[in-house]
Amino acid sequence: MEVTLLANKGGVGKSTLSILLHEALKKAGKSVIIRDWDAQGTSNKALALILGKETDPAIHHDIIIYDTPPNLEHSATIAAVKNADLALVVVSPSPADIWEAEKTVQFIREQNSKAVIRLIFNKVRKGTLLGRLIDESAKQISAPTLKSMLSYRECYQHALGEGWKALDGAAREEVLELAISITTIKTTSK
């Protein structure tokens, strides 16, 4: 399965989410690789720290995760969407992110009509006004929302340098739940 994480703006947590999914899917027994096509190279840098080496793209993997630039017109974003079985639109509960998410959904539909599209809320602060308005905010976007979402947790930032061991029990449970929800989505894998 090829999974593309994208957003039309930076700062929503695509790279962090890519690393978290990589780690959770490995724990679930899947072989997984990240293709980091963002110019910052955050996912590649994090994997080098976590694994102590580069991953081998020549080896077959059950799941390929594409970490894309925050730009829908970038050739890497277009290529990743065209390859996607599953396109995850990463969005925080911020109104500015929600406004851009619908544009991203329409872009995916134009580039790859066969890709399954899901919205994933990231950096959710439960108990805040924006956290309580997620269901209402999701109605503004024409793609289904994953039931699993990621809370705002400092340990997720630490996972960029330490991987799975940086996560506390609640964070591990949340990320594993997300990984399971993604792997159980029916796609038309190539």
C-alpha atoms as a PDB file:
ATOM      1  CA  MET A   1       0.000   0.000   0.000  1.00  0.00           C
ATOM      2  CA  GLU A   2       1.225   3.482  -0.853  1.00  0.00           C
ATOM      3  CA  VAL A   3       0.191   6.198   1.602  1.00  0.00           C
ATOM      4  CA  THR A   4       0.684   9.873   0.830  1.00  0.00           C
ATOM      5  CA  LEU A   5       0.550  12.460   3.610  1.00  0.00           C
ATOM      6  CA  LEU A   6      -0.095  15.940   2.342  1.00  0.00           C
ATOM      7  CA  ALA A   7      -1.299  19.414   3.174  1.00  0.00           C
ATOM      8  CA  ASN A   8      -1.245  22.683   1.284  1.00  0.00           C
ATOM      9  CA  LYS A   9       0.612  24.387   4.114  1.00  0.00           C
ATOM     10  CA  GLY A  10       3.450  23.646   6.464  1.00  0.00           C
ATOM     11  CA  GLY A  11       3.346  23.144  10.192  1.00  0.00           C
ATOM     12  CA  VAL A  12       0.522  20.599  10.363  1.00  0.00           C
ATOM     13  CA  GLY A  13       2.863  17.738  11.290  1.00  0.00           C
ATOM     14  CA  LYS A  14       3.228  15.638   8.128  1.00  0.00           C
ATOM     15  CA  SER A  15       6.809  14.631   8.904  1.00  0.00           C
ATOM     16  CA  THR A  16       6.132  13.846  12.556  1.00  0.00           C
ATOM     17  CA  LEU A  17       3.073  11.835  11.555  1.00  0.00           C
ATOM     18  CA  SER A  18       5.138   9.983   8.927  1.00  0.00           C
ATOM     19  CA  ILE A  19       7.670   8.960  11.588  1.00  0.00           C
ATOM     20  CA  LEU A  20       4.967   7.957  14.075  1.00  0.00           C
ATOM     21  CA  LEU A  21       3.209   5.810  11.476  1.00  0.00           C
ATOM     22  CA  HIS A  22       6.526   4.280  10.418  1.00  0.00           C
ATOM     23  CA  GLU A  23       7.266   3.275  13.998  1.00  0.00           C
ATOM     24  CA  ALA A  24       3.743   1.970  14.737  1.00  0.00           C
ATOM     25  CA  LEU A  25       3.548  -0.033  11.519  1.00  0.00           C
ATOM     26  CA  LYS A  26       6.925  -1.609  12.276  1.00  0.00           C
ATOM     27  CA  LYS A  27       5.614  -2.568  15.734  1.00  0.00           C
ATOM     28  CA  ALA A  28       2.605  -4.121  13.990  1.00  0.00           C
ATOM     29  CA  GLY A  29       4.949  -6.339  11.962  1.00  0.00           C
ATOM     30  CA  LYS A  30       4.753  -4.463   8.663  1.00  0.00           C
ATOM     31  CA  SER A  31       7.764  -3.598   6.532  1.00  0.00           C
ATOM     32  CA  VAL A  32       7.559   0.118   5.898  1.00  0.00           C
ATOM     33  CA  ILE A  33       9.634   2.847   4.302  1.00  0.00           C
ATOM     34  CA  ILE A  34       9.272   6.611   4.116  1.00  0.00           C
ATOM     35  CA  ARG A  35       9.991   8.438   0.906  1.00  0.00           C
ATOM     36  CA  ASP A  36      10.766  11.918   2.171  1.00  0.00           C
ATOM     37  CA  TRP A  37      10.156  14.327  -0.671  1.00  0.00           C
ATOM     38  CA  ASP A  38       9.997  17.467   1.471  1.00  0.00           C
ATOM     39  CA  ALA A  39      13.005  19.750   0.908  1.00  0.00           C
ATOM     40  CA  GLN A  40      13.632  19.976   4.679  1.00  0.00           C
ATOM     41  CA  GLY A  41      14.237  16.236   4.795  1.00  0.00           C
ATOM     42  CA  THR A  42      12.852  15.922   8.336  1.00  0.00           C
ATOM     43  CA  SER A  43      11.733  12.310   7.938  1.00  0.00           C
ATOM     44  CA  ASN A  44      15.089  11.245   6.472  1.00  0.00           C
ATOM     45  CA  LYS A  45      16.991  12.980   9.271  1.00  0.00           C
ATOM     46  CA  ALA A  46      14.745  11.411  11.909  1.00  0.00           C
ATOM     47  CA  LEU A  47      15.093   7.921  10.445  1.00  0.00           C
ATOM     48  CA  ALA A  48      18.877   8.278  10.330  1.00  0.00           C
ATOM     49  CA  LEU A  49      18.838   9.125  14.053  1.00  0.00           C
ATOM     50  CA  ILE A  50      16.363   6.399  14.994  1.00  0.00           C
ATOM     51  CA  LEU A  51      17.767   3.603  12.836  1.00  0.00           C
ATOM     52  CA  GLY A  52      21.397   4.718  12.810  1.00  0.00           C
ATOM     53  CA  LYS A  53      21.467   4.155   9.050  1.00  0.00           C
ATOM     54  CA  GLU A  54      19.681   4.958   5.834  1.00  0.00           C
ATOM     55  CA  THR A  55      16.826   2.698   4.757  1.00  0.00           C
ATOM     56  CA  ASP A  56      17.250   0.648   1.601  1.00  0.00           C
ATOM     57  CA  PRO A  57      14.647   1.711  -0.982  1.00  0.00           C
ATOM     58  CA  ALA A  58      15.465  -1.329  -3.141  1.00  0.00           C
ATOM     59  CA  ILE A  59      13.942  -3.746  -0.621  1.00  0.00           C
ATOM     60  CA  HIS A  60      10.228  -4.577  -1.009  1.00  0.00           C
ATOM     61  CA  HIS A  61       8.043  -2.960   1.642  1.00  0.00           C
ATOM     62  CA  ASP A  62       4.428  -3.649   2.605  1.00  0.00           C
ATOM     63  CA  ILE A  63       3.786   0.068   3.026  1.00  0.00           C
ATOM     64  CA  ILE A  64       5.400   3.122   1.446  1.00  0.00           C
ATOM     65  CA  ILE A  65       4.750   6.450   3.157  1.00  0.00           C
ATOM     66  CA  TYR A  66       5.287   9.616   1.118  1.00  0.00           C
ATOM     67  CA  ASP A  67       6.117  12.726   3.159  1.00  0.00           C
ATOM     68  CA  THR A  68       5.393  15.575   0.741  1.00  0.00           C
ATOM     69  CA  PRO A  69       6.290  19.263   0.527  1.00  0.00           C
ATOM     70  CA  PRO A  70       3.648  21.739   1.746  1.00  0.00           C
ATOM     71  CA  ASN A  71       2.823  22.756  -1.810  1.00  0.00           C
ATOM     72  CA  LEU A  72       0.236  21.188  -4.105  1.00  0.00           C
ATOM     73  CA  GLU A  73       2.018  22.430  -7.235  1.00  0.00           C
ATOM     74  CA  HIS A  74       5.352  20.784  -6.364  1.00  0.00           C
ATOM     75  CA  SER A  75       6.233  17.907  -8.714  1.00  0.00           C
ATOM     76  CA  ALA A  76       6.989  15.626  -5.737  1.00  0.00           C
ATOM     77  CA  THR A  77       3.540  16.215  -4.257  1.00  0.00           C
ATOM     78  CA  ILE A  78       1.896  15.512  -7.610  1.00  0.00           C
ATOM     79  CA  ALA A  79       3.914  12.301  -8.077  1.00  0.00           C
ATOM     80  CA  ALA A  80       3.145  11.103  -4.542  1.00  0.00           C
ATOM     81  CA  VAL A  81      -0.584  11.694  -5.028  1.00  0.00           C
ATOM     82  CA  LYS A  82      -0.570   9.878  -8.377  1.00  0.00           C
ATOM     83  CA  ASN A  83       1.085   6.868  -6.646  1.00  0.00           C
ATOM     84  CA  ALA A  84      -1.232   6.891  -3.627  1.00  0.00           C
ATOM     85  CA  ASP A  85      -3.622   4.140  -2.726  1.00  0.00           C
ATOM     86  CA  LEU A  86      -4.479   6.198   0.348  1.00  0.00           C
ATOM     87  CA  ALA A  87      -4.102   9.987   0.570  1.00  0.00           C
ATOM     88  CA  LEU A  88      -4.154  11.391   4.088  1.00  0.00           C
ATOM     89  CA  VAL A  89      -4.879  15.100   4.317  1.00  0.00           C
ATOM     90  CA  VAL A  90      -3.174  16.200   7.524  1.00  0.00           C
ATOM     91  CA  VAL A  91      -4.911  19.079   9.253  1.00  0.00           C
ATOM     92  CA  SER A  92      -4.800  20.709  12.660  1.00  0.00           C
ATOM     93  CA  PRO A  93      -8.044  22.051  14.162  1.00  0.00           C
ATOM     94  CA  SER A  94      -6.993  25.594  13.176  1.00  0.00           C
ATOM     95  CA  PRO A  95      -9.457  27.389  10.879  1.00  0.00           C
ATOM     96  CA  ALA A  96      -6.612  28.254   8.458  1.00  0.00           C
ATOM     97  CA  ASP A  97      -5.728  24.568   8.096  1.00  0.00           C
ATOM     98  CA  ILE A  98      -9.358  23.576   7.590  1.00  0.00           C
ATOM     99  CA  TRP A  99      -9.769  26.180   4.827  1.00  0.00           C
ATOM    100  CA  GLU A 100      -6.829  24.651   2.962  1.00  0.00           C
ATOM    101  CA  ALA A 101      -7.911  21.039   3.516  1.00  0.00           C
ATOM    102  CA  GLU A 102     -10.843  21.206   1.089  1.00  0.00           C
ATOM    103  CA  LYS A 103      -8.538  22.567  -1.620  1.00  0.00           C
ATOM    104  CA  THR A 104      -6.193  19.632  -0.931  1.00  0.00           C
ATOM    105  CA  VAL A 105      -9.045  17.103  -1.193  1.00  0.00           C
ATOM    106  CA  GLN A 106     -10.087  18.537  -4.567  1.00  0.00           C
ATOM    107  CA  PHE A 107      -6.465  18.420  -5.754  1.00  0.00           C
ATOM    108  CA  ILE A 108      -6.229  14.710  -4.866  1.00  0.00           C
ATOM    109  CA  ARG A 109      -9.459  13.953  -6.728  1.00  0.00           C
ATOM    110  CA  GLU A 110      -8.128  15.712  -9.836  1.00  0.00           C
ATOM    111  CA  GLN A 111      -4.768  13.906  -9.743  1.00  0.00           C
ATOM    112  CA  ASN A 112      -5.852  10.387  -8.727  1.00  0.00           C
ATOM    113  CA  SER A 113      -9.520   9.464  -8.854  1.00  0.00           C
ATOM    114  CA  LYS A 114      -8.760   5.981  -7.466  1.00  0.00           C
ATOM    115  CA  ALA A 115      -7.040   7.125  -4.277  1.00  0.00           C
ATOM    116  CA  VAL A 116      -8.966   6.724  -1.062  1.00  0.00           C
ATOM    117  CA  ILE A 117      -8.964  10.062   0.736  1.00  0.00           C
ATOM    118  CA  ARG A 118      -9.157  10.544   4.487  1.00  0.00           C
ATOM    119  CA  LEU A 119      -8.762  13.600   6.653  1.00  0.00           C
ATOM    120  CA  ILE A 120      -6.637  13.190   9.761  1.00  0.00           C
ATOM    121  CA  PHE A 121      -6.703  15.714  12.572  1.00  0.00           C
ATOM    122  CA  ASN A 122      -3.312  16.207  14.191  1.00  0.00           C
ATOM    123  CA  LYS A 123      -2.161  18.297  17.174  1.00  0.00           C
ATOM    124  CA  VAL A 124      -5.593  18.172  18.776  1.00  0.00           C
ATOM    125  CA  ARG A 125      -5.834  19.714  22.237  1.00  0.00           C
ATOM    126  CA  LYS A 126      -8.802  18.029  23.812  1.00  0.00           C
ATOM    127  CA  GLY A 127     -10.935  20.213  26.015  1.00  0.00           C
ATOM    128  CA  THR A 128     -10.140  23.403  24.078  1.00  0.00           C
ATOM    129  CA  LEU A 129     -12.587  25.295  21.896  1.00  0.00           C
ATOM    130  CA  LEU A 130     -10.913  24.104  18.680  1.00  0.00           C
ATOM    131  CA  GLY A 131     -10.722  20.541  20.003  1.00  0.00           C
ATOM    132  CA  ARG A 132     -14.435  20.535  20.770  1.00  0.00           C
ATOM    133  CA  LEU A 133     -15.264  21.875  17.286  1.00  0.00           C
ATOM    134  CA  ILE A 134     -13.522  19.121  15.308  1.00  0.00           C
ATOM    135  CA  ASP A 135     -16.732  17.345  14.274  1.00  0.00           C
ATOM    136  CA  GLU A 136     -18.228  20.643  13.128  1.00  0.00           C
ATOM    137  CA  SER A 137     -15.010  21.633  11.326  1.00  0.00           C
ATOM    138  CA  ALA A 138     -14.843  18.290   9.521  1.00  0.00           C
ATOM    139  CA  LYS A 139     -18.232  18.983   7.936  1.00  0.00           C
ATOM    140  CA  GLN A 140     -16.582  21.767   5.914  1.00  0.00           C
ATOM    141  CA  ILE A 141     -14.478  19.194   4.047  1.00  0.00           C
ATOM    142  CA  SER A 142     -15.831  16.782   1.432  1.00  0.00           C
ATOM    143  CA  ALA A 143     -13.733  13.791   2.500  1.00  0.00           C
ATOM    144  CA  PRO A 144     -14.337  11.417   5.407  1.00  0.00           C
ATOM    145  CA  THR A 145     -12.415  11.983   8.617  1.00  0.00           C
ATOM    146  CA  LEU A 146     -10.531   9.175  10.322  1.00  0.00           C
ATOM    147  CA  LYS A 147     -12.037   8.405  13.702  1.00  0.00           C
ATOM    148  CA  SER A 148      -8.497   8.231  15.079  1.00  0.00           C
ATOM    149  CA  MET A 149      -6.735  11.525  15.616  1.00  0.00           C
ATOM    150  CA  LEU A 150      -3.523  12.541  17.299  1.00  0.00           C
ATOM    151  CA  SER A 151      -3.438  14.728  20.365  1.00  0.00           C
ATOM    152  CA  TYR A 152      -0.899  17.444  20.876  1.00  0.00           C
ATOM    153  CA  ARG A 153       1.852  15.668  22.846  1.00  0.00           C
ATOM    154  CA  GLU A 154       5.436  16.733  23.407  1.00  0.00           C
ATOM    155  CA  CYS A 155       6.613  13.133  23.208  1.00  0.00           C
ATOM    156  CA  TYR A 156       5.586  13.094  19.528  1.00  0.00           C
ATOM    157  CA  GLN A 157       8.235  15.722  18.854  1.00  0.00           C
ATOM    158  CA  HIS A 158      10.788  13.647  20.777  1.00  0.00           C
ATOM    159  CA  ALA A 159       9.927  10.662  18.581  1.00  0.00           C
ATOM    160  CA  LEU A 160      11.672  12.435  15.703  1.00  0.00           C
ATOM    161  CA  GLY A 161      14.972  11.708  17.432  1.00  0.00           C
ATOM    162  CA  GLU A 162      14.216   8.606  19.464  1.00  0.00           C
ATOM    163  CA  GLY A 163      11.435   6.761  17.670  1.00  0.00           C
ATOM    164  CA  TRP A 164       9.047   4.498  19.519  1.00  0.00           C
ATOM    165  CA  LYS A 165      10.922   4.612  22.831  1.00  0.00           C
ATOM    166  CA  ALA A 166      10.141   8.348  23.192  1.00  0.00           C
ATOM    167  CA  LEU A 167       6.422   7.651  23.473  1.00  0.00           C
ATOM    168  CA  ASP A 168       4.568   7.119  26.736  1.00  0.00           C
ATOM    169  CA  GLY A 169       1.864   4.459  27.033  1.00  0.00           C
ATOM    170  CA  ALA A 170      -1.042   6.730  26.087  1.00  0.00           C
ATOM    171  CA  ALA A 171       0.820   8.044  23.047  1.00  0.00           C
ATOM    172  CA  ARG A 172       1.721   4.532  21.902  1.00  0.00           C
ATOM    173  CA  GLU A 173      -1.904   3.474  22.182  1.00  0.00           C
ATOM    174  CA  GLU A 174      -3.066   6.512  20.215  1.00  0.00           C
ATOM    175  CA  VAL A 175      -0.527   5.964  17.409  1.00  0.00           C
ATOM    176  CA  LEU A 176      -1.204   2.214  17.199  1.00  0.00           C
ATOM    177  CA  GLU A 177      -4.929   2.923  16.965  1.00  0.00           C
ATOM    178  CA  LEU A 178      -4.214   5.298  14.084  1.00  0.00           C
ATOM    179  CA  ALA A 179      -1.988   2.750  12.330  1.00  0.00           C
ATOM    180  CA  ILE A 180      -4.672   0.085  12.641  1.00  0.00           C
ATOM    181  CA  SER A 181      -7.343   2.407  11.277  1.00  0.00           C
ATOM    182  CA  ILE A 182      -5.139   3.175   8.259  1.00  0.00           C
ATOM    183  CA  THR A 183      -4.241  -0.446   7.490  1.00  0.00           C
ATOM    184  CA  THR A 184      -7.877  -1.521   7.632  1.00  0.00           C
ATOM    185  CA  ILE A 185      -9.048   1.011   5.012  1.00  0.00           C
ATOM    186  CA  LYS A 186     -10.026  -0.782   1.832  1.00  0.00           C
ATOM    187  CA  THR A 187      -7.981   0.516  -1.092  1.00  0.00           C
ATOM    188  CA  THR A 188      -7.488  -0.661  -4.636  1.00  0.00           C
ATOM    189  CA  SER A 189      -3.779  -1.396  -4.180  1.00  0.00           C
ATOM    190  CA  LYS A 190      -1.897  -1.579  -7.439  1.00  0.00           C
END
